[in-house]
Amino acid sequence: MAQLAIEPEERAENRIKDIEAQRDDGALAVVQHLLTARGVRTSIITRVKLRLYGDRPDPFPRSDCSELVAHSRDGWEVATVTVGERSGYFLVSLPTVGVGCQQVRPDAPGAVVDLILAALPKEAA
């Protein structure tokens, strides 16, 4: 069975995806730090997606997606924050107050924190 080599373009694409994932993780870590300082419990969840392509030199292309989840003191999920793949904007979902997806500029992590604090039950804020 012949060993298939990964093309330089695919290696470069994989490196770019890794750099973007690190940027997104760093942005979420800043929000997590700000929320933790305000007493909000959070976790960062990273989902790894693998797909099988039999006709590619790299048969298992990988894509990672991280999200920050904020919880109330009672353990209920209050907010989910991701980073937009192309825009780099924070995408904030606040299901407890009916906000599906609020976009926040990447240079405004404090605005993400304000949205989440506003969505917390009053006894937990």
C-alpha atoms as a PDB file:
ATOM      1  CA  MET A   1       0.000   0.000   0.000  1.00  0.00           C
ATOM      2  CA  ALA A   2       1.463   3.349  -1.023  1.00  0.00           C
ATOM      3  CA  GLN A   3       1.987   6.087   1.554  1.00  0.00           C
ATOM      4  CA  LEU A   4       0.204   9.272   0.512  1.00  0.00           C
ATOM      5  CA  ALA A   5       2.085  12.505   1.172  1.00  0.00           C
ATOM      6  CA  ILE A   6       0.376  15.638   2.412  1.00  0.00           C
ATOM      7  CA  GLU A   7       0.750  18.456  -0.085  1.00  0.00           C
ATOM      8  CA  PRO A   8       2.484  21.697   1.054  1.00  0.00           C
ATOM      9  CA  GLU A   9      -0.763  23.637   0.470  1.00  0.00           C
ATOM     10  CA  GLU A  10      -2.634  21.323   2.832  1.00  0.00           C
ATOM     11  CA  ARG A  11       0.120  21.619   5.459  1.00  0.00           C
ATOM     12  CA  ALA A  12      -0.098  25.402   5.234  1.00  0.00           C
ATOM     13  CA  GLU A  13      -3.906  25.238   5.491  1.00  0.00           C
ATOM     14  CA  ASN A  14      -3.620  23.049   8.598  1.00  0.00           C
ATOM     15  CA  ARG A  15      -1.132  25.486  10.183  1.00  0.00           C
ATOM     16  CA  ILE A  16      -3.456  28.411   9.468  1.00  0.00           C
ATOM     17  CA  LYS A  17      -6.353  26.541  11.106  1.00  0.00           C
ATOM     18  CA  ASP A  18      -4.162  25.833  14.146  1.00  0.00           C
ATOM     19  CA  ILE A  19      -3.206  29.508  14.446  1.00  0.00           C
ATOM     20  CA  GLU A  20      -6.848  30.573  14.142  1.00  0.00           C
ATOM     21  CA  ALA A  21      -7.861  28.016  16.797  1.00  0.00           C
ATOM     22  CA  GLN A  22      -5.189  29.380  19.156  1.00  0.00           C
ATOM     23  CA  ARG A  23      -6.425  32.940  18.525  1.00  0.00           C
ATOM     24  CA  ASP A  24     -10.010  31.912  19.264  1.00  0.00           C
ATOM     25  CA  ASP A  25      -8.994  29.994  22.390  1.00  0.00           C
ATOM     26  CA  GLY A  26      -7.036  33.032  23.601  1.00  0.00           C
ATOM     27  CA  ALA A  27     -10.013  35.329  23.077  1.00  0.00           C
ATOM     28  CA  LEU A  28     -12.301  32.940  24.965  1.00  0.00           C
ATOM     29  CA  ALA A  29      -9.708  32.662  27.764  1.00  0.00           C
ATOM     30  CA  VAL A  30      -9.818  36.450  28.216  1.00  0.00           C
ATOM     31  CA  VAL A  31     -13.614  36.367  28.551  1.00  0.00           C
ATOM     32  CA  GLN A  32     -13.348  33.418  30.934  1.00  0.00           C
ATOM     33  CA  HIS A  33     -10.854  35.295  33.110  1.00  0.00           C
ATOM     34  CA  LEU A  34     -13.106  38.371  33.255  1.00  0.00           C
ATOM     35  CA  LEU A  35     -16.163  36.286  34.148  1.00  0.00           C
ATOM     36  CA  THR A  36     -14.289  34.289  36.792  1.00  0.00           C
ATOM     37  CA  ALA A  37     -13.175  37.559  38.387  1.00  0.00           C
ATOM     38  CA  ARG A  38     -16.883  38.483  38.664  1.00  0.00           C
ATOM     39  CA  GLY A  39     -17.750  35.141  40.292  1.00  0.00           C
ATOM     40  CA  VAL A  40     -19.339  33.468  37.267  1.00  0.00           C
ATOM     41  CA  ARG A  41     -18.655  29.759  36.750  1.00  0.00           C
ATOM     42  CA  THR A  42     -17.475  28.944  33.250  1.00  0.00           C
ATOM     43  CA  SER A  43     -15.977  26.150  31.212  1.00  0.00           C
ATOM     44  CA  ILE A  44     -14.359  26.031  27.799  1.00  0.00           C
ATOM     45  CA  ILE A  45     -15.369  23.066  25.690  1.00  0.00           C
ATOM     46  CA  THR A  46     -13.377  22.088  22.618  1.00  0.00           C
ATOM     47  CA  ARG A  47     -15.007  19.861  20.058  1.00  0.00           C
ATOM     48  CA  VAL A  48     -12.764  18.029  17.624  1.00  0.00           C
ATOM     49  CA  LYS A  49     -14.363  17.034  14.341  1.00  0.00           C
ATOM     50  CA  LEU A  50     -12.761  14.424  12.118  1.00  0.00           C
ATOM     51  CA  ARG A  51     -14.020  13.543   8.681  1.00  0.00           C
ATOM     52  CA  LEU A  52     -12.933  10.690   6.488  1.00  0.00           C
ATOM     53  CA  TYR A  53     -12.142  11.439   2.848  1.00  0.00           C
ATOM     54  CA  GLY A  54     -10.768   8.482   0.897  1.00  0.00           C
ATOM     55  CA  ASP A  55      -9.636  10.513  -2.092  1.00  0.00           C
ATOM     56  CA  ARG A  56      -7.424  13.032  -0.232  1.00  0.00           C
ATOM     57  CA  PRO A  57      -3.774  12.739   0.782  1.00  0.00           C
ATOM     58  CA  ASP A  58      -4.879  13.699   4.308  1.00  0.00           C
ATOM     59  CA  PRO A  59      -7.853  11.354   4.793  1.00  0.00           C
ATOM     60  CA  PHE A  60      -8.733  12.762   8.237  1.00  0.00           C
ATOM     61  CA  PRO A  61      -8.957  16.563   8.033  1.00  0.00           C
ATOM     62  CA  ARG A  62      -9.541  17.979  11.495  1.00  0.00           C
ATOM     63  CA  SER A  63     -11.437  21.034  12.609  1.00  0.00           C
ATOM     64  CA  ASP A  64     -11.646  22.266  16.182  1.00  0.00           C
ATOM     65  CA  CYS A  65     -14.384  24.411  17.621  1.00  0.00           C
ATOM     66  CA  SER A  66     -14.173  25.876  21.119  1.00  0.00           C
ATOM     67  CA  GLU A  67     -16.971  27.468  23.070  1.00  0.00           C
ATOM     68  CA  LEU A  68     -17.214  29.062  26.472  1.00  0.00           C
ATOM     69  CA  VAL A  69     -20.233  28.132  28.556  1.00  0.00           C
ATOM     70  CA  ALA A  70     -21.300  30.306  31.506  1.00  0.00           C
ATOM     71  CA  HIS A  71     -23.437  28.838  34.277  1.00  0.00           C
ATOM     72  CA  SER A  72     -25.657  30.328  36.953  1.00  0.00           C
ATOM     73  CA  ARG A  73     -24.978  29.467  40.600  1.00  0.00           C
ATOM     74  CA  ASP A  74     -27.643  26.773  40.299  1.00  0.00           C
ATOM     75  CA  GLY A  75     -25.720  25.163  37.417  1.00  0.00           C
ATOM     76  CA  TRP A  76     -28.015  26.232  34.591  1.00  0.00           C
ATOM     77  CA  GLU A  77     -26.417  27.193  31.299  1.00  0.00           C
ATOM     78  CA  VAL A  78     -26.863  30.932  30.907  1.00  0.00           C
ATOM     79  CA  ALA A  79     -24.689  31.739  27.903  1.00  0.00           C
ATOM     80  CA  THR A  80     -22.562  30.215  25.181  1.00  0.00           C
ATOM     81  CA  VAL A  81     -19.768  32.192  23.537  1.00  0.00           C
ATOM     82  CA  THR A  82     -17.930  31.199  20.378  1.00  0.00           C
ATOM     83  CA  VAL A  83     -15.682  33.112  18.000  1.00  0.00           C
ATOM     84  CA  GLY A  84     -16.838  33.566  14.421  1.00  0.00           C
ATOM     85  CA  GLU A  85     -14.672  31.595  12.022  1.00  0.00           C
ATOM     86  CA  ARG A  86     -14.298  34.339   9.440  1.00  0.00           C
ATOM     87  CA  SER A  87     -15.177  37.515  11.299  1.00  0.00           C
ATOM     88  CA  GLY A  88     -13.370  36.847  14.576  1.00  0.00           C
ATOM     89  CA  TYR A  89     -16.337  38.420  16.381  1.00  0.00           C
ATOM     90  CA  PHE A  90     -17.607  36.958  19.624  1.00  0.00           C
ATOM     91  CA  LEU A  91     -20.952  35.228  19.043  1.00  0.00           C
ATOM     92  CA  VAL A  92     -22.944  35.259  22.258  1.00  0.00           C
ATOM     93  CA  SER A  93     -26.031  33.117  22.733  1.00  0.00           C
ATOM     94  CA  LEU A  94     -28.217  33.881  25.759  1.00  0.00           C
ATOM     95  CA  PRO A  95     -31.068  31.343  25.710  1.00  0.00           C
ATOM     96  CA  THR A  96     -32.444  32.365  29.137  1.00  0.00           C
ATOM     97  CA  VAL A  97     -33.335  35.823  27.827  1.00  0.00           C
ATOM     98  CA  GLY A  98     -34.233  34.812  24.268  1.00  0.00           C
ATOM     99  CA  VAL A  99     -31.106  36.116  22.509  1.00  0.00           C
ATOM    100  CA  GLY A 100     -30.104  33.687  19.782  1.00  0.00           C
ATOM    101  CA  CYS A 101     -26.835  35.201  18.588  1.00  0.00           C
ATOM    102  CA  GLN A 102     -25.464  38.591  19.544  1.00  0.00           C
ATOM    103  CA  GLN A 103     -22.294  39.716  17.754  1.00  0.00           C
ATOM    104  CA  VAL A 104     -19.643  41.551  19.768  1.00  0.00           C
ATOM    105  CA  ARG A 105     -16.472  43.084  18.340  1.00  0.00           C
ATOM    106  CA  PRO A 106     -13.307  41.086  19.077  1.00  0.00           C
ATOM    107  CA  ASP A 107     -11.733  44.054  20.873  1.00  0.00           C
ATOM    108  CA  ALA A 108     -14.630  44.267  23.376  1.00  0.00           C
ATOM    109  CA  PRO A 109     -14.506  41.216  25.672  1.00  0.00           C
ATOM    110  CA  GLY A 110     -15.933  43.415  28.441  1.00  0.00           C
ATOM    111  CA  ALA A 111     -19.132  43.811  26.416  1.00  0.00           C
ATOM    112  CA  VAL A 112     -19.463  40.010  26.302  1.00  0.00           C
ATOM    113  CA  VAL A 113     -19.132  39.932  30.095  1.00  0.00           C
ATOM    114  CA  ASP A 114     -21.785  42.673  30.458  1.00  0.00           C
ATOM    115  CA  LEU A 115     -24.230  40.707  28.288  1.00  0.00           C
ATOM    116  CA  ILE A 116     -23.704  37.556  30.326  1.00  0.00           C
ATOM    117  CA  LEU A 117     -23.991  39.349  33.668  1.00  0.00           C
ATOM    118  CA  ALA A 118     -27.265  40.904  32.509  1.00  0.00           C
ATOM    119  CA  ALA A 119     -28.608  37.446  31.627  1.00  0.00           C
ATOM    120  CA  LEU A 120     -27.788  35.917  35.018  1.00  0.00           C
ATOM    121  CA  PRO A 121     -30.623  35.486  37.501  1.00  0.00           C
ATOM    122  CA  LYS A 122     -30.600  38.498  39.820  1.00  0.00           C
ATOM    123  CA  GLU A 123     -29.687  36.499  42.925  1.00  0.00           C
ATOM    124  CA  ALA A 124     -26.563  35.189  41.128  1.00  0.00           C
ATOM    125  CA  ALA A 125     -25.311  38.498  39.717  1.00  0.00           C
END
